[in-house]
Amino acid sequence: MTIRRERRDAVEHRRLILQTAQSLFNQYGVQPVSMHQIAKKAGIGQATLYRKYAHKGDLCHDILHDYIQQLMDKINNYLLAHKQAPPEEKIAGILVHWIDAVEEKSGLIIAMESKMSCEDDRGNFFHSTIYQFFRNKISEIIIEILNSKDSPPSIDPDLAAHSLICCLSPIGYFHIKQEKNYTVDEMKQRVLQLCRFPWT
């Protein structure tokens, strides 16, 4: 078998796995579906599935890949269009986009986050493209805020950005939303207030 044929087979296997997983997730939800079910439905061995995806979070990350790229493009376009806006408003805008993503893709995001092991960067949300993108963008804007102050507070921009992202992780987001009985719009308004609070 030629290398080209092997690569084509690998691409077809990957497409089959992702289509099968997405179909099962749509039918039953992300959490109840096991890797065993995905392999069985796709008609492949579990060993083959695990060679391609170490865990369900890794698989969910792959399903989310195109959506994540579109989300990052949308945020870049937002920041370009709001270049002159106050920095607090830009951070709020980024987090509002994140809320929309959590509302739309919470099951996949939670599964992607479920293998957060600091020793293993496979499936670790904090090593993912989307986390790094959000943290870098928010950190840059926090630096902009600090540089505009006469006496800037002693804040670590990366830690502040990380904290904002963590407080809006899907599990935490839905917990406080349900506890407070907030609508999506009310959550977004609270985020706007939160983004102004540390600097005032």
C-alpha atoms as a PDB file:
ATOM      1  CA  MET A   1       0.000   0.000   0.000  1.00  0.00           C
ATOM      2  CA  THR A   2       1.405   3.407  -0.932  1.00  0.00           C
ATOM      3  CA  ILE A   3       1.899   6.237   1.567  1.00  0.00           C
ATOM      4  CA  ARG A   4      -0.692   8.282  -0.352  1.00  0.00           C
ATOM      5  CA  ARG A   5      -3.266   5.483   0.039  1.00  0.00           C
ATOM      6  CA  GLU A   6      -2.467   5.194   3.761  1.00  0.00           C
ATOM      7  CA  ARG A   7      -2.973   8.917   4.197  1.00  0.00           C
ATOM      8  CA  ARG A   8      -6.267   8.797   2.308  1.00  0.00           C
ATOM      9  CA  ASP A   9      -7.433   5.915   4.509  1.00  0.00           C
ATOM     10  CA  ALA A  10      -6.431   7.873   7.642  1.00  0.00           C
ATOM     11  CA  VAL A  11      -8.416  10.905   6.472  1.00  0.00           C
ATOM     12  CA  GLU A  12     -11.460   8.733   5.724  1.00  0.00           C
ATOM     13  CA  HIS A  13     -11.176   7.036   9.140  1.00  0.00           C
ATOM     14  CA  ARG A  14     -11.004  10.416  10.850  1.00  0.00           C
ATOM     15  CA  ARG A  15     -14.017  11.725   8.931  1.00  0.00           C
ATOM     16  CA  LEU A  16     -16.007   8.570   9.771  1.00  0.00           C
ATOM     17  CA  ILE A  17     -15.148   8.820  13.475  1.00  0.00           C
ATOM     18  CA  LEU A  18     -16.061  12.526  13.689  1.00  0.00           C
ATOM     19  CA  GLN A  19     -19.322  12.092  11.759  1.00  0.00           C
ATOM     20  CA  THR A  20     -20.284   9.102  13.905  1.00  0.00           C
ATOM     21  CA  ALA A  21     -19.446  10.908  17.153  1.00  0.00           C
ATOM     22  CA  GLN A  22     -21.340  14.043  16.098  1.00  0.00           C
ATOM     23  CA  SER A  23     -24.382  11.947  15.160  1.00  0.00           C
ATOM     24  CA  LEU A  24     -24.361  10.146  18.533  1.00  0.00           C
ATOM     25  CA  PHE A  25     -23.823  13.425  20.416  1.00  0.00           C
ATOM     26  CA  ASN A  26     -26.775  15.008  18.580  1.00  0.00           C
ATOM     27  CA  GLN A  27     -28.951  12.015  19.451  1.00  0.00           C
ATOM     28  CA  TYR A  28     -27.961  11.369  23.087  1.00  0.00           C
ATOM     29  CA  GLY A  29     -25.896  14.365  24.217  1.00  0.00           C
ATOM     30  CA  VAL A  30     -22.126  14.427  24.638  1.00  0.00           C
ATOM     31  CA  GLN A  31     -21.775  13.141  28.217  1.00  0.00           C
ATOM     32  CA  PRO A  32     -23.656   9.803  27.924  1.00  0.00           C
ATOM     33  CA  VAL A  33     -21.848   8.648  24.770  1.00  0.00           C
ATOM     34  CA  SER A  34     -18.796   6.446  25.383  1.00  0.00           C
ATOM     35  CA  MET A  35     -15.758   5.868  23.200  1.00  0.00           C
ATOM     36  CA  HIS A  36     -16.869   2.228  22.984  1.00  0.00           C
ATOM     37  CA  GLN A  37     -20.211   3.308  21.468  1.00  0.00           C
ATOM     38  CA  ILE A  38     -18.466   5.549  18.952  1.00  0.00           C
ATOM     39  CA  ALA A  39     -16.103   2.760  17.844  1.00  0.00           C
ATOM     40  CA  LYS A  40     -18.934   0.234  17.593  1.00  0.00           C
ATOM     41  CA  LYS A  41     -21.219   2.567  15.611  1.00  0.00           C
ATOM     42  CA  ALA A  42     -18.354   3.536  13.275  1.00  0.00           C
ATOM     43  CA  GLY A  43     -17.505  -0.129  12.732  1.00  0.00           C
ATOM     44  CA  ILE A  44     -13.886   0.194  13.858  1.00  0.00           C
ATOM     45  CA  GLY A  45     -11.887  -1.338  16.681  1.00  0.00           C
ATOM     46  CA  GLN A  46     -11.486   0.537  19.946  1.00  0.00           C
ATOM     47  CA  ALA A  47      -7.704   0.316  19.568  1.00  0.00           C
ATOM     48  CA  THR A  48      -7.978   2.152  16.233  1.00  0.00           C
ATOM     49  CA  LEU A  49     -10.140   4.847  17.816  1.00  0.00           C
ATOM     50  CA  TYR A  50      -7.786   5.327  20.766  1.00  0.00           C
ATOM     51  CA  ARG A  51      -4.769   5.562  18.440  1.00  0.00           C
ATOM     52  CA  LYS A  52      -6.412   8.582  16.824  1.00  0.00           C
ATOM     53  CA  TYR A  53      -8.059  10.044  19.939  1.00  0.00           C
ATOM     54  CA  ALA A  54      -6.639   9.407  23.408  1.00  0.00           C
ATOM     55  CA  HIS A  55      -9.966  10.338  25.036  1.00  0.00           C
ATOM     56  CA  LYS A  56     -13.360  11.873  24.273  1.00  0.00           C
ATOM     57  CA  GLY A  57     -12.118  15.378  25.074  1.00  0.00           C
ATOM     58  CA  ASP A  58      -9.524  15.069  22.304  1.00  0.00           C
ATOM     59  CA  LEU A  59     -12.246  13.958  19.896  1.00  0.00           C
ATOM     60  CA  CYS A  60     -14.516  16.858  20.930  1.00  0.00           C
ATOM     61  CA  HIS A  61     -11.665  19.285  20.341  1.00  0.00           C
ATOM     62  CA  ASP A  62     -11.383  17.989  16.771  1.00  0.00           C
ATOM     63  CA  ILE A  63     -15.147  18.366  16.204  1.00  0.00           C
ATOM     64  CA  LEU A  64     -14.900  21.930  17.524  1.00  0.00           C
ATOM     65  CA  HIS A  65     -11.890  22.800  15.343  1.00  0.00           C
ATOM     66  CA  ASP A  66     -13.775  24.583  12.539  1.00  0.00           C
ATOM     67  CA  TYR A  67     -16.115  26.315  14.973  1.00  0.00           C
ATOM     68  CA  ILE A  68     -13.152  27.517  17.045  1.00  0.00           C
ATOM     69  CA  GLN A  69     -11.447  28.952  13.966  1.00  0.00           C
ATOM     70  CA  GLN A  70     -14.633  30.826  13.017  1.00  0.00           C
ATOM     71  CA  LEU A  71     -14.944  32.135  16.583  1.00  0.00           C
ATOM     72  CA  MET A  72     -11.349  33.397  16.602  1.00  0.00           C
ATOM     73  CA  ASP A  73     -11.897  35.095  13.222  1.00  0.00           C
ATOM     74  CA  LYS A  74     -15.070  36.711  14.567  1.00  0.00           C
ATOM     75  CA  ILE A  75     -13.234  38.072  17.631  1.00  0.00           C
ATOM     76  CA  ASN A  76     -10.348  39.381  15.521  1.00  0.00           C
ATOM     77  CA  ASN A  77     -12.869  41.171  13.290  1.00  0.00           C
ATOM     78  CA  TYR A  78     -14.647  42.538  16.375  1.00  0.00           C
ATOM     79  CA  LEU A  79     -11.395  43.918  17.800  1.00  0.00           C
ATOM     80  CA  LEU A  80     -10.470  45.444  14.445  1.00  0.00           C
ATOM     81  CA  ALA A  81     -13.867  47.148  14.182  1.00  0.00           C
ATOM     82  CA  HIS A  82     -13.626  48.387  17.813  1.00  0.00           C
ATOM     83  CA  LYS A  83      -9.978  49.441  17.776  1.00  0.00           C
ATOM     84  CA  GLN A  84     -10.832  52.852  19.269  1.00  0.00           C
ATOM     85  CA  ALA A  85     -13.276  51.519  21.894  1.00  0.00           C
ATOM     86  CA  PRO A  86     -12.379  51.677  25.611  1.00  0.00           C
ATOM     87  CA  PRO A  87     -10.317  48.593  26.579  1.00  0.00           C
ATOM     88  CA  GLU A  88     -12.876  47.479  29.179  1.00  0.00           C
ATOM     89  CA  GLU A  89     -15.487  47.406  26.409  1.00  0.00           C
ATOM     90  CA  LYS A  90     -13.206  45.282  24.225  1.00  0.00           C
ATOM     91  CA  ILE A  91     -12.672  42.726  27.020  1.00  0.00           C
ATOM     92  CA  ALA A  92     -16.432  42.594  27.591  1.00  0.00           C
ATOM     93  CA  GLY A  93     -16.973  42.073  23.855  1.00  0.00           C
ATOM     94  CA  ILE A  94     -14.561  39.132  23.813  1.00  0.00           C
ATOM     95  CA  LEU A  95     -16.273  37.541  26.826  1.00  0.00           C
ATOM     96  CA  VAL A  96     -19.732  38.064  25.294  1.00  0.00           C
ATOM     97  CA  HIS A  97     -18.528  36.080  22.251  1.00  0.00           C
ATOM     98  CA  TRP A  98     -17.310  33.389  24.675  1.00  0.00           C
ATOM     99  CA  ILE A  99     -20.731  33.273  26.370  1.00  0.00           C
ATOM    100  CA  ASP A 100     -22.386  32.745  22.978  1.00  0.00           C
ATOM    101  CA  ALA A 101     -19.953  29.879  22.286  1.00  0.00           C
ATOM    102  CA  VAL A 102     -20.630  28.291  25.698  1.00  0.00           C
ATOM    103  CA  GLU A 103     -24.381  28.516  25.153  1.00  0.00           C
ATOM    104  CA  GLU A 104     -24.089  26.928  21.709  1.00  0.00           C
ATOM    105  CA  LYS A 105     -21.407  24.276  22.299  1.00  0.00           C
ATOM    106  CA  SER A 106     -21.370  23.645  26.055  1.00  0.00           C
ATOM    107  CA  GLY A 107     -21.473  19.833  25.845  1.00  0.00           C
ATOM    108  CA  LEU A 108     -18.473  19.635  23.546  1.00  0.00           C
ATOM    109  CA  ILE A 109     -16.526  22.272  25.496  1.00  0.00           C
ATOM    110  CA  ILE A 110     -17.146  20.533  28.834  1.00  0.00           C
ATOM    111  CA  ALA A 111     -16.022  17.206  27.373  1.00  0.00           C
ATOM    112  CA  MET A 112     -12.954  18.901  25.883  1.00  0.00           C
ATOM    113  CA  GLU A 113     -12.100  20.341  29.323  1.00  0.00           C
ATOM    114  CA  SER A 114     -12.722  17.059  31.128  1.00  0.00           C
ATOM    115  CA  LYS A 115      -9.147  15.793  30.716  1.00  0.00           C
ATOM    116  CA  MET A 116      -7.428  18.809  32.287  1.00  0.00           C
ATOM    117  CA  SER A 117      -4.241  17.179  33.526  1.00  0.00           C
ATOM    118  CA  CYS A 118      -1.243  19.438  34.007  1.00  0.00           C
ATOM    119  CA  GLU A 119       1.022  16.438  33.335  1.00  0.00           C
ATOM    120  CA  ASP A 120      -0.640  15.562  30.015  1.00  0.00           C
ATOM    121  CA  ASP A 121      -1.252  18.273  27.463  1.00  0.00           C
ATOM    122  CA  ARG A 122      -3.433  15.989  25.311  1.00  0.00           C
ATOM    123  CA  GLY A 123      -6.924  17.281  25.928  1.00  0.00           C
ATOM    124  CA  ASN A 124      -5.722  19.803  28.507  1.00  0.00           C
ATOM    125  CA  PHE A 125      -7.915  22.869  27.912  1.00  0.00           C
ATOM    126  CA  PHE A 126      -5.093  25.127  29.115  1.00  0.00           C
ATOM    127  CA  HIS A 127      -2.929  23.898  26.230  1.00  0.00           C
ATOM    128  CA  SER A 128      -5.693  24.329  23.654  1.00  0.00           C
ATOM    129  CA  THR A 129      -5.634  26.869  20.850  1.00  0.00           C
ATOM    130  CA  ILE A 130      -8.854  28.516  22.024  1.00  0.00           C
ATOM    131  CA  TYR A 131      -7.635  29.030  25.608  1.00  0.00           C
ATOM    132  CA  GLN A 132      -4.314  30.491  24.444  1.00  0.00           C
ATOM    133  CA  PHE A 133      -6.103  32.755  21.967  1.00  0.00           C
ATOM    134  CA  PHE A 134      -8.562  34.131  24.552  1.00  0.00           C
ATOM    135  CA  ARG A 135      -5.877  34.559  27.210  1.00  0.00           C
ATOM    136  CA  ASN A 136      -3.504  36.375  24.871  1.00  0.00           C
ATOM    137  CA  LYS A 137      -6.193  38.741  23.577  1.00  0.00           C
ATOM    138  CA  ILE A 138      -7.537  39.590  27.036  1.00  0.00           C
ATOM    139  CA  SER A 139      -4.025  39.916  28.506  1.00  0.00           C
ATOM    140  CA  GLU A 140      -3.023  42.375  25.759  1.00  0.00           C
ATOM    141  CA  ILE A 141      -6.047  44.549  26.526  1.00  0.00           C
ATOM    142  CA  ILE A 142      -5.384  44.415  30.284  1.00  0.00           C
ATOM    143  CA  ILE A 143      -1.849  45.674  29.591  1.00  0.00           C
ATOM    144  CA  GLU A 144      -3.439  48.495  27.565  1.00  0.00           C
ATOM    145  CA  ILE A 145      -5.628  49.378  30.582  1.00  0.00           C
ATOM    146  CA  LEU A 146      -2.695  49.291  33.010  1.00  0.00           C
ATOM    147  CA  ASN A 147      -0.552  51.473  30.742  1.00  0.00           C
ATOM    148  CA  SER A 148      -3.301  54.093  30.647  1.00  0.00           C
ATOM    149  CA  LYS A 149      -3.331  54.504  34.450  1.00  0.00           C
ATOM    150  CA  ASP A 150      -1.231  57.113  36.260  1.00  0.00           C
ATOM    151  CA  SER A 151      -0.677  54.674  39.099  1.00  0.00           C
ATOM    152  CA  PRO A 152      -1.435  51.246  37.630  1.00  0.00           C
ATOM    153  CA  PRO A 153      -2.565  48.593  40.118  1.00  0.00           C
ATOM    154  CA  SER A 154      -0.205  45.673  40.648  1.00  0.00           C
ATOM    155  CA  ILE A 155      -1.975  43.106  38.480  1.00  0.00           C
ATOM    156  CA  ASP A 156      -0.497  40.187  36.540  1.00  0.00           C
ATOM    157  CA  PRO A 157      -2.210  40.477  33.107  1.00  0.00           C
ATOM    158  CA  ASP A 158      -1.910  36.750  32.335  1.00  0.00           C
ATOM    159  CA  LEU A 159      -3.365  35.745  35.712  1.00  0.00           C
ATOM    160  CA  ALA A 160      -6.203  38.285  35.355  1.00  0.00           C
ATOM    161  CA  ALA A 161      -7.015  36.985  31.853  1.00  0.00           C
ATOM    162  CA  HIS A 162      -6.863  33.379  33.090  1.00  0.00           C
ATOM    163  CA  SER A 163      -9.219  34.208  35.980  1.00  0.00           C
ATOM    164  CA  LEU A 164     -11.797  35.807  33.679  1.00  0.00           C
ATOM    165  CA  ILE A 165     -11.760  32.774  31.389  1.00  0.00           C
ATOM    166  CA  CYS A 166     -12.023  30.321  34.310  1.00  0.00           C
ATOM    167  CA  CYS A 167     -14.966  32.135  35.909  1.00  0.00           C
ATOM    168  CA  LEU A 168     -16.851  31.705  32.617  1.00  0.00           C
ATOM    169  CA  SER A 169     -16.007  28.038  32.088  1.00  0.00           C
ATOM    170  CA  PRO A 170     -19.174  26.164  31.039  1.00  0.00           C
ATOM    171  CA  ILE A 171     -19.711  24.414  34.401  1.00  0.00           C
ATOM    172  CA  GLY A 172     -19.200  27.612  36.409  1.00  0.00           C
ATOM    173  CA  TYR A 173     -21.163  29.690  33.914  1.00  0.00           C
ATOM    174  CA  PHE A 174     -24.263  27.470  34.002  1.00  0.00           C
ATOM    175  CA  HIS A 175     -24.044  27.041  37.778  1.00  0.00           C
ATOM    176  CA  ILE A 176     -24.287  30.771  38.503  1.00  0.00           C
ATOM    177  CA  LYS A 177     -26.748  31.368  35.660  1.00  0.00           C
ATOM    178  CA  GLN A 178     -29.161  28.775  37.096  1.00  0.00           C
ATOM    179  CA  GLU A 179     -28.584  29.751  40.729  1.00  0.00           C
ATOM    180  CA  LYS A 180     -29.350  33.411  39.982  1.00  0.00           C
ATOM    181  CA  ASN A 181     -32.011  32.529  37.397  1.00  0.00           C
ATOM    182  CA  TYR A 182     -30.346  34.867  34.903  1.00  0.00           C
ATOM    183  CA  THR A 183     -31.175  35.001  31.208  1.00  0.00           C
ATOM    184  CA  VAL A 184     -28.341  34.997  28.674  1.00  0.00           C
ATOM    185  CA  ASP A 185     -28.726  38.770  28.257  1.00  0.00           C
ATOM    186  CA  GLU A 186     -28.564  39.265  32.030  1.00  0.00           C
ATOM    187  CA  MET A 187     -25.368  37.189  32.186  1.00  0.00           C
ATOM    188  CA  LYS A 188     -23.863  39.377  29.482  1.00  0.00           C
ATOM    189  CA  GLN A 189     -24.793  42.519  31.424  1.00  0.00           C
ATOM    190  CA  ARG A 190     -23.130  41.119  34.562  1.00  0.00           C
ATOM    191  CA  VAL A 191     -20.006  40.400  32.521  1.00  0.00           C
ATOM    192  CA  LEU A 192     -19.956  44.039  31.357  1.00  0.00           C
ATOM    193  CA  GLN A 193     -20.066  45.109  35.016  1.00  0.00           C
ATOM    194  CA  LEU A 194     -17.385  42.571  35.970  1.00  0.00           C
ATOM    195  CA  CYS A 195     -15.028  43.914  33.283  1.00  0.00           C
ATOM    196  CA  ARG A 196     -15.217  47.422  34.720  1.00  0.00           C
ATOM    197  CA  PHE A 197     -14.853  46.401  38.373  1.00  0.00           C
ATOM    198  CA  PRO A 198     -11.090  45.604  38.724  1.00  0.00           C
ATOM    199  CA  TRP A 199      -9.982  48.908  37.221  1.00  0.00           C
ATOM    200  CA  THR A 200     -12.348  51.295  39.047  1.00  0.00           C
END
